Structures are given as C-alpha cells and as structure tokens.
Amino acid sequence: MGRALQNWDASQLSLKAWRELLAESLQNASRFAIHCWNDEEPWIQLALEYGQRRPVPWEGGTVIEGAVTPAFREMLLSLERPSDRDVYNKFLPFFSLVLDDSFYFEHYGIELTFLPR
C-alpha cells in the first residue's frame, strides 16, 4: 500500500482480487473494529468470538473491537461471500471492517479507504 490516501469502489472486483487486498491489509494489522446493524445478530455473534462490544452512540448498530490474531485473519479470509447481493455486491457479512484505523472496508466491503500510516 502506498503512502497516499486510497479510496475506491471495489464492488466490481473479483472475490480473489478483493481477498488479496484484505490479506495484504491484515498482514501488519494489530486491531480491528467490526460494525454491524443490530438485526445482523449471527454476524454480531461471530464477531464476538474474536472481540468485545464497544459502547458507541449508534442506536441502530453494534461495534465489536479486538486484536487481529491468526484465528481472526483465517476467519475473515475464509468467509463465504454473502449471497444477498441485491442491494450491495457484498464481500463481507459485516457492515464495516476497520483495521488499525487505517484500512476501512465499508458497506459490506465494497467501499475501500486506505489511509496513510
């Protein structure tokens, strides 16, 4: 990843290309935050296997934070692509994934923002 801000729509990437970006972002990441809507209970429960809820003023959602561990990396890189892609061409079941406040995979992984570190 370069030093400049990178921001793009990843909705047309192949799953393989998208996973390569995720894998690269995970290499040196130490912390994560996952954002889910409150009605996405199965995904909240999955995220809670790797982190803890963080109190936030988001009435409709839940944020889970934790350490990026080998098990967390493996879970993310082995997730099946969501099948409900009518509205979003989803790559993730989570609304947002943030790594080290530098790598943002938002709107189910289709909007990517990589900040300089």
Protein backbone atom coordinates (compact mmCIF):
# COMPACT_ATOMS: atom_id res chain seq x y z
CA MET A 1 0.00 0.00 0.00
CA GLY A 2 1.31 3.44 -0.85
CA ARG A 3 1.54 6.39 1.50
CA ALA A 4 -1.23 8.42 -0.17
CA LEU A 5 -4.91 8.15 0.64
CA GLN A 6 -6.56 5.49 -1.49
CA ASN A 7 -10.33 5.38 -1.79
CA TRP A 8 -12.34 3.39 -4.31
CA ASP A 9 -15.42 1.39 -5.17
CA ALA A 10 -14.46 -2.28 -5.05
CA SER A 11 -17.87 -3.65 -6.00
CA GLN A 12 -16.67 -4.89 -9.39
CA LEU A 13 -13.55 -6.67 -8.15
CA SER A 14 -13.37 -10.43 -8.29
CA LEU A 15 -13.54 -12.19 -4.94
CA LYS A 16 -9.93 -13.29 -5.45
CA ALA A 17 -8.69 -9.72 -6.04
CA TRP A 18 -10.73 -8.41 -3.10
CA ARG A 19 -9.36 -11.09 -0.78
CA GLU A 20 -5.82 -10.22 -1.86
CA LEU A 21 -6.43 -6.62 -0.73
CA LEU A 22 -7.85 -7.85 2.56
CA ALA A 23 -4.95 -10.26 3.11
CA GLU A 24 -2.43 -7.50 2.45
CA SER A 25 -4.25 -5.18 4.87
CA LEU A 26 -4.32 -7.88 7.55
CA GLN A 27 -0.59 -8.64 7.35
CA ASN A 28 0.56 -5.99 9.81
CA ALA A 29 -2.76 -5.03 11.39
CA SER A 30 -2.98 -5.33 15.15
CA ARG A 31 -6.54 -4.13 15.99
CA PHE A 32 -9.94 -4.42 14.35
CA ALA A 33 -13.39 -2.93 14.69
CA ILE A 34 -16.42 -4.58 13.12
CA HIS A 35 -19.65 -2.62 12.73
CA CYS A 36 -22.95 -4.48 12.35
CA TRP A 37 -26.56 -3.41 12.29
CA ASN A 38 -28.37 -4.67 15.39
CA ASP A 39 -30.54 -7.03 13.33
CA GLU A 40 -27.45 -8.82 12.00
CA GLU A 41 -27.28 -11.00 15.10
CA PRO A 42 -25.49 -14.03 13.59
CA TRP A 43 -22.67 -11.77 12.39
CA ILE A 44 -22.51 -9.95 15.73
CA GLN A 45 -22.14 -13.31 17.46
CA LEU A 46 -19.38 -14.34 15.05
CA ALA A 47 -17.50 -11.08 15.66
CA LEU A 48 -17.87 -11.53 19.43
CA GLU A 49 -15.87 -14.75 19.15
CA TYR A 50 -12.86 -12.52 18.36
CA GLY A 51 -13.54 -9.31 20.27
CA GLN A 52 -15.77 -7.39 22.66
CA ARG A 53 -18.59 -4.89 22.27
CA ARG A 54 -17.56 -1.27 22.42
CA PRO A 55 -20.15 1.19 23.74
CA VAL A 56 -20.93 3.65 20.96
CA PRO A 57 -23.68 6.20 20.35
CA TRP A 58 -25.00 4.29 17.33
CA GLU A 59 -28.61 3.50 18.12
CA GLY A 60 -29.04 1.03 15.27
CA GLY A 61 -25.74 -0.75 15.46
CA THR A 62 -23.11 -2.63 17.38
CA VAL A 63 -19.34 -2.26 17.28
CA ILE A 64 -17.02 -5.12 18.23
CA GLU A 65 -13.31 -4.48 18.73
CA GLY A 66 -10.39 -6.77 19.31
CA ALA A 67 -6.91 -7.89 18.44
CA VAL A 68 -6.08 -9.16 14.98
CA THR A 69 -4.97 -12.72 15.69
CA PRO A 70 -4.10 -15.57 13.33
CA ALA A 71 -7.55 -17.07 14.04
CA PHE A 72 -9.25 -13.76 13.20
CA ARG A 73 -7.28 -13.47 9.95
CA GLU A 74 -8.20 -17.03 8.99
CA MET A 75 -11.88 -16.43 9.77
CA LEU A 76 -12.03 -13.32 7.58
CA LEU A 77 -10.15 -14.84 4.68
CA SER A 78 -12.27 -17.99 4.69
CA LEU A 79 -15.72 -16.38 4.96
CA GLU A 80 -18.05 -17.29 2.14
CA ARG A 81 -19.23 -14.37 0.09
CA PRO A 82 -22.72 -13.29 1.20
CA SER A 83 -25.44 -14.48 -1.15
CA ASP A 84 -27.75 -11.49 -0.52
CA ARG A 85 -26.17 -9.13 -3.04
CA ASP A 86 -29.29 -7.46 -4.46
CA VAL A 87 -28.58 -4.02 -2.94
CA TYR A 88 -24.82 -4.28 -2.35
CA ASN A 89 -22.38 -6.51 -4.22
CA LYS A 90 -21.19 -7.68 -0.79
CA PHE A 91 -17.84 -9.21 0.05
CA LEU A 92 -18.35 -9.23 3.84
CA PRO A 93 -21.33 -10.07 6.06
CA PHE A 94 -20.33 -7.14 8.32
CA PHE A 95 -21.41 -3.58 7.54
CA SER A 96 -17.86 -2.32 8.16
CA LEU A 97 -14.45 -3.70 8.99
CA VAL A 98 -11.76 -1.30 10.18
CA LEU A 99 -8.15 -2.34 10.69
CA ASP A 100 -5.88 -0.13 12.81
CA ASP A 101 -7.96 2.95 11.98
CA SER A 102 -6.18 2.88 8.62
CA PHE A 103 -7.89 0.29 6.43
CA TYR A 104 -11.65 0.68 6.00
CA PHE A 105 -13.77 -1.98 4.28
CA GLU A 106 -17.20 -0.35 4.39
CA HIS A 107 -20.70 -1.05 3.15
CA TYR A 108 -20.10 -4.80 3.32
CA GLY A 109 -16.61 -4.46 1.90
CA ILE A 110 -17.41 -2.63 -1.34
CA GLU A 111 -16.07 0.80 -0.35
CA LEU A 112 -12.39 0.75 0.48
CA THR A 113 -10.40 3.53 2.10
CA PHE A 114 -6.75 3.10 2.94
CA LEU A 115 -5.25 5.96 4.94
CA PRO A 116 -1.53 6.73 5.10
CA ARG A 117 0.18 5.23 8.14
